[in-house]
Amino acid sequence: HWTMLSVSLLNCLLSTACSVGLALAIGLTVHSRGTHLVRGCNSSALPADARAAIATNDCPFNTTRIYDTALALWFLSLLLAAAEAVLSGRCCLVALVFQGIGPCAHSYGKEQV
């Protein structure tokens, strides 16, 4: 039970940190209109807005849909990380109840007796 408690608590904290980081990345990308996504390209042909970026030979990747693709993947990852944090938190609460700690522990013990 102690292993389940410690692992679920650690996973809950890491998933929460991942969710916060992804939310920050999404917010900064939307705020800057994706200019940081094409920063590695040294072409003057690239516009300031990443949504209108064109594919050039000066860029190491295809810039045509980098903005939409990055946001779509980050948003999905944010949802999955948040769901993982919630489920890990619930697992942590179950481990606390099994240890007899927490608000539900006393009622759980009475029901078992």
Protein backbone atom coordinates (compact mmCIF):
# COMPACT_ATOMS: atom_id res chain seq x y z
CA HIS A 1 0.00 0.00 0.00
CA TRP A 2 2.86 2.35 0.77
CA THR A 3 4.38 1.70 -2.64
CA MET A 4 1.07 2.43 -4.33
CA LEU A 5 0.73 5.62 -2.30
CA SER A 6 4.21 6.90 -3.10
CA VAL A 7 4.11 5.99 -6.80
CA SER A 8 0.64 7.45 -7.32
CA LEU A 9 1.58 10.64 -5.49
CA LEU A 10 4.75 11.01 -7.57
CA ASN A 11 2.82 10.33 -10.78
CA CYS A 12 0.14 12.84 -9.79
CA LEU A 13 2.76 15.53 -9.20
CA LEU A 14 4.58 14.80 -12.47
CA SER A 15 1.35 14.74 -14.47
CA THR A 16 0.27 18.02 -12.93
CA ALA A 17 3.63 19.58 -13.78
CA CYS A 18 3.34 18.26 -17.33
CA SER A 19 -0.16 19.72 -17.64
CA VAL A 20 1.02 23.12 -16.41
CA GLY A 21 3.97 23.06 -18.82
CA LEU A 22 1.78 22.15 -21.77
CA ALA A 23 -0.74 24.84 -20.88
CA LEU A 24 2.09 27.36 -20.69
CA ALA A 25 3.47 26.23 -24.07
CA ILE A 26 0.02 26.51 -25.67
CA GLY A 27 -0.53 29.94 -24.17
CA LEU A 28 2.86 31.28 -25.27
CA THR A 29 2.45 29.86 -28.76
CA VAL A 30 -1.00 31.37 -29.22
CA HIS A 31 0.21 34.70 -27.78
CA SER A 32 3.22 34.89 -30.10
CA ARG A 33 1.18 33.62 -33.08
CA GLY A 34 3.70 30.81 -33.54
CA THR A 35 6.77 32.90 -34.27
CA HIS A 36 8.82 30.84 -31.80
CA LEU A 37 7.95 27.67 -33.69
CA VAL A 38 9.77 28.82 -36.83
CA ARG A 39 12.64 30.55 -35.04
CA GLY A 40 15.12 27.92 -36.28
CA CYS A 41 14.54 29.01 -39.86
CA ASN A 42 16.92 31.68 -41.13
CA SER A 43 14.98 32.61 -44.22
CA SER A 44 13.78 36.16 -44.77
CA ALA A 45 10.97 34.70 -46.90
CA LEU A 46 9.18 33.50 -43.77
CA PRO A 47 6.48 35.85 -42.56
CA ALA A 48 6.17 36.88 -38.92
CA ASP A 49 2.99 34.83 -38.56
CA ALA A 50 3.64 31.08 -38.43
CA ARG A 51 0.16 30.35 -39.84
CA ALA A 52 1.20 31.87 -43.15
CA ALA A 53 4.66 30.28 -43.22
CA ILE A 54 5.81 28.68 -46.43
CA ALA A 55 8.14 25.74 -46.98
CA THR A 56 11.65 26.88 -47.82
CA ASN A 57 14.95 25.13 -48.23
CA ASP A 58 16.43 27.23 -45.39
CA CYS A 59 14.24 25.55 -42.79
CA PRO A 60 15.02 22.03 -41.48
CA PHE A 61 11.30 21.13 -41.35
CA ASN A 62 8.13 21.72 -43.30
CA THR A 63 6.63 24.94 -41.96
CA THR A 64 3.30 24.82 -43.77
CA ARG A 65 1.24 23.42 -40.90
CA ILE A 66 3.53 23.64 -37.89
CA TYR A 67 1.24 25.99 -35.93
CA ASP A 68 -1.96 23.96 -36.25
CA THR A 69 -0.23 20.60 -35.81
CA ALA A 70 1.68 21.67 -32.71
CA LEU A 71 -1.42 23.11 -31.05
CA ALA A 72 -3.53 20.06 -31.88
CA LEU A 73 -0.95 17.65 -30.47
CA TRP A 74 -0.25 19.78 -27.40
CA PHE A 75 -3.96 20.17 -26.64
CA LEU A 76 -4.51 16.41 -26.84
CA SER A 77 -1.44 15.81 -24.67
CA LEU A 78 -2.74 18.37 -22.17
CA LEU A 79 -6.07 16.55 -21.90
CA LEU A 80 -4.37 13.17 -21.44
CA ALA A 81 -1.92 14.51 -18.83
CA ALA A 82 -4.76 16.14 -16.90
CA ALA A 83 -6.75 12.89 -16.97
CA GLU A 84 -3.65 11.02 -15.76
CA ALA A 85 -3.21 13.50 -12.91
CA VAL A 86 -6.83 13.06 -11.83
CA LEU A 87 -6.64 9.26 -11.95
CA SER A 88 -3.34 9.26 -10.07
CA GLY A 89 -4.86 11.51 -7.43
CA ARG A 90 -7.77 9.11 -7.01
CA CYS A 91 -5.34 6.21 -6.74
CA CYS A 92 -3.46 8.15 -4.05
CA LEU A 93 -6.72 8.66 -2.13
CA VAL A 94 -7.49 4.94 -2.33
CA ALA A 95 -4.04 4.14 -0.97
CA LEU A 96 -4.64 6.56 1.90
CA VAL A 97 -7.96 4.88 2.70
CA PHE A 98 -6.28 1.47 2.68
CA GLN A 99 -3.73 2.82 5.16
CA GLY A 100 -6.47 4.14 7.43
CA ILE A 101 -5.57 7.77 6.77
CA GLY A 102 -8.00 10.41 5.55
CA PRO A 103 -11.64 11.35 5.93
CA CYS A 104 -13.08 8.21 4.37
CA ALA A 105 -10.84 5.77 6.23
CA HIS A 106 -12.97 5.45 9.35
CA SER A 107 -16.20 4.75 7.50
CA TYR A 108 -14.41 2.26 5.26
CA GLY A 109 -13.07 0.38 8.29
CA LYS A 110 -16.52 0.27 9.92
CA GLU A 111 -18.07 -1.11 6.74
CA GLN A 112 -15.47 -3.88 6.58
CA VAL A 113 -16.13 -4.94 10.19
